[in-house]
Protein backbone atom coordinates (compact mmCIF):
# COMPACT_ATOMS: atom_id res chain seq x y z
CA MET A 1 8.15 11.84 18.60
CA GLN A 2 4.87 9.96 18.67
CA GLN A 3 4.68 6.70 20.55
CA GLN A 4 2.56 4.76 18.05
CA THR A 5 2.84 3.56 14.44
CA THR A 6 0.22 1.96 12.22
CA PHE A 7 1.23 -0.88 9.89
CA ARG A 8 -1.03 -1.57 6.91
CA PHE A 9 -0.44 -4.68 4.80
CA ALA A 10 -1.94 -7.72 3.15
CA ALA A 11 -0.36 -11.17 3.08
CA SER A 12 -1.34 -13.90 0.68
CA GLY A 13 -0.08 -17.40 -0.01
CA THR A 14 -0.02 -20.59 1.99
CA THR A 15 2.25 -19.58 4.88
CA PRO A 16 1.11 -17.34 7.76
CA ALA A 17 2.94 -14.00 7.93
CA ARG A 18 4.98 -12.41 10.72
CA LEU A 19 5.58 -8.69 11.43
CA GLU A 20 8.69 -7.71 13.43
CA ILE A 21 10.69 -4.58 14.30
CA PHE A 22 14.50 -4.42 14.08
CA ASP A 23 17.01 -1.77 15.10
CA LEU A 24 19.89 -0.50 12.94
CA ALA A 25 22.18 -3.24 14.25
CA GLY A 26 19.75 -5.90 12.97
CA ARG A 27 18.53 -6.98 16.41
CA ARG A 28 14.86 -7.89 16.70
CA VAL A 29 13.51 -5.42 19.24
CA ALA A 30 9.79 -6.14 18.99
CA PRO A 31 7.71 -8.97 17.62
CA ILE A 32 4.49 -7.28 16.48
CA ALA A 33 2.34 -10.12 15.22
CA GLU A 34 2.90 -13.82 14.63
CA ALA A 35 0.84 -16.28 12.57
CA ILE A 36 -1.04 -13.60 10.62
CA PRO A 37 -3.47 -15.35 8.24
CA ALA A 38 -2.25 -15.18 4.63
CA ASP A 39 -5.73 -14.58 3.26
CA GLY A 40 -5.11 -11.40 1.23
CA ILE A 41 -7.20 -9.23 3.57
CA ILE A 42 -5.69 -5.80 4.26
CA ARG A 43 -4.86 -5.54 7.94
CA MET A 44 -3.92 -2.61 10.14
CA ILE A 45 -1.86 -3.26 13.25
CA GLU A 46 -1.01 -0.58 15.81
CA TRP A 47 2.39 -0.68 17.49
CA SER A 48 3.46 1.36 20.49
CA ARG A 49 7.23 1.65 20.81
CA GLY A 50 7.03 1.62 24.59
CA ASP A 51 10.48 2.02 26.15
CA LEU A 52 12.45 1.98 22.89
CA ALA A 53 14.66 5.02 22.37
CA ASP A 54 13.97 7.56 19.64
CA GLY A 55 15.61 6.43 16.43
CA VAL A 56 15.24 4.57 13.19
CA TYR A 57 13.79 1.07 13.17
CA PHE A 58 12.99 -1.34 10.36
CA ALA A 59 9.72 -3.20 9.96
CA ARG A 60 9.95 -6.66 8.39
CA LEU A 61 6.93 -8.56 7.09
CA SER A 62 7.71 -12.16 6.20
CA ALA A 63 5.69 -15.12 4.95
CA GLY A 64 7.59 -18.28 4.06
CA ASP A 65 10.50 -17.25 1.80
CA GLN A 66 8.90 -13.86 0.96
CA VAL A 67 10.23 -10.88 2.94
CA ALA A 68 9.42 -7.17 2.73
CA THR A 69 11.45 -4.66 4.76
CA ARG A 70 10.63 -0.98 5.10
CA LYS A 71 12.65 1.88 6.55
CA PRO A 72 12.61 4.16 8.31
CA CYS A 73 10.18 2.91 10.88
CA CYS A 74 9.93 5.56 13.51
CA ALA A 75 7.00 6.19 15.78
CA ALA A 76 5.54 8.79 13.41
CA GLU A 77 6.02 6.81 10.17
CA ILE A 78 3.43 4.67 8.43
CA VAL A 79 4.63 1.61 6.54
CA GLN A 80 2.89 1.55 3.16
CA SER A 81 0.88 -1.48 2.18
CA ARG A 82 2.75 -4.31 0.53
CA ARG A 83 1.40 -7.65 -0.66
CA VAL A 84 3.57 -10.59 0.37
CA GLY A 85 3.04 -14.05 -1.08
């Protein structure tokens, strides 16, 4: 399994966005990016899973009360773009 995943997204609104990774038990295993500007610009963020075991993980993009969750998030998966805000 590859060690790296690319996240592509755009956040808009008044609240900065946050991108996080969770395991199947709902535990946050990796904060990817905090305080992402909610300016509507499409961003690409690379994430290396490091020491995490092979498996299924969920990516959650949140901005204020808006939340988008994608699965599966494995090292070889790409999370499709989603506008939040």
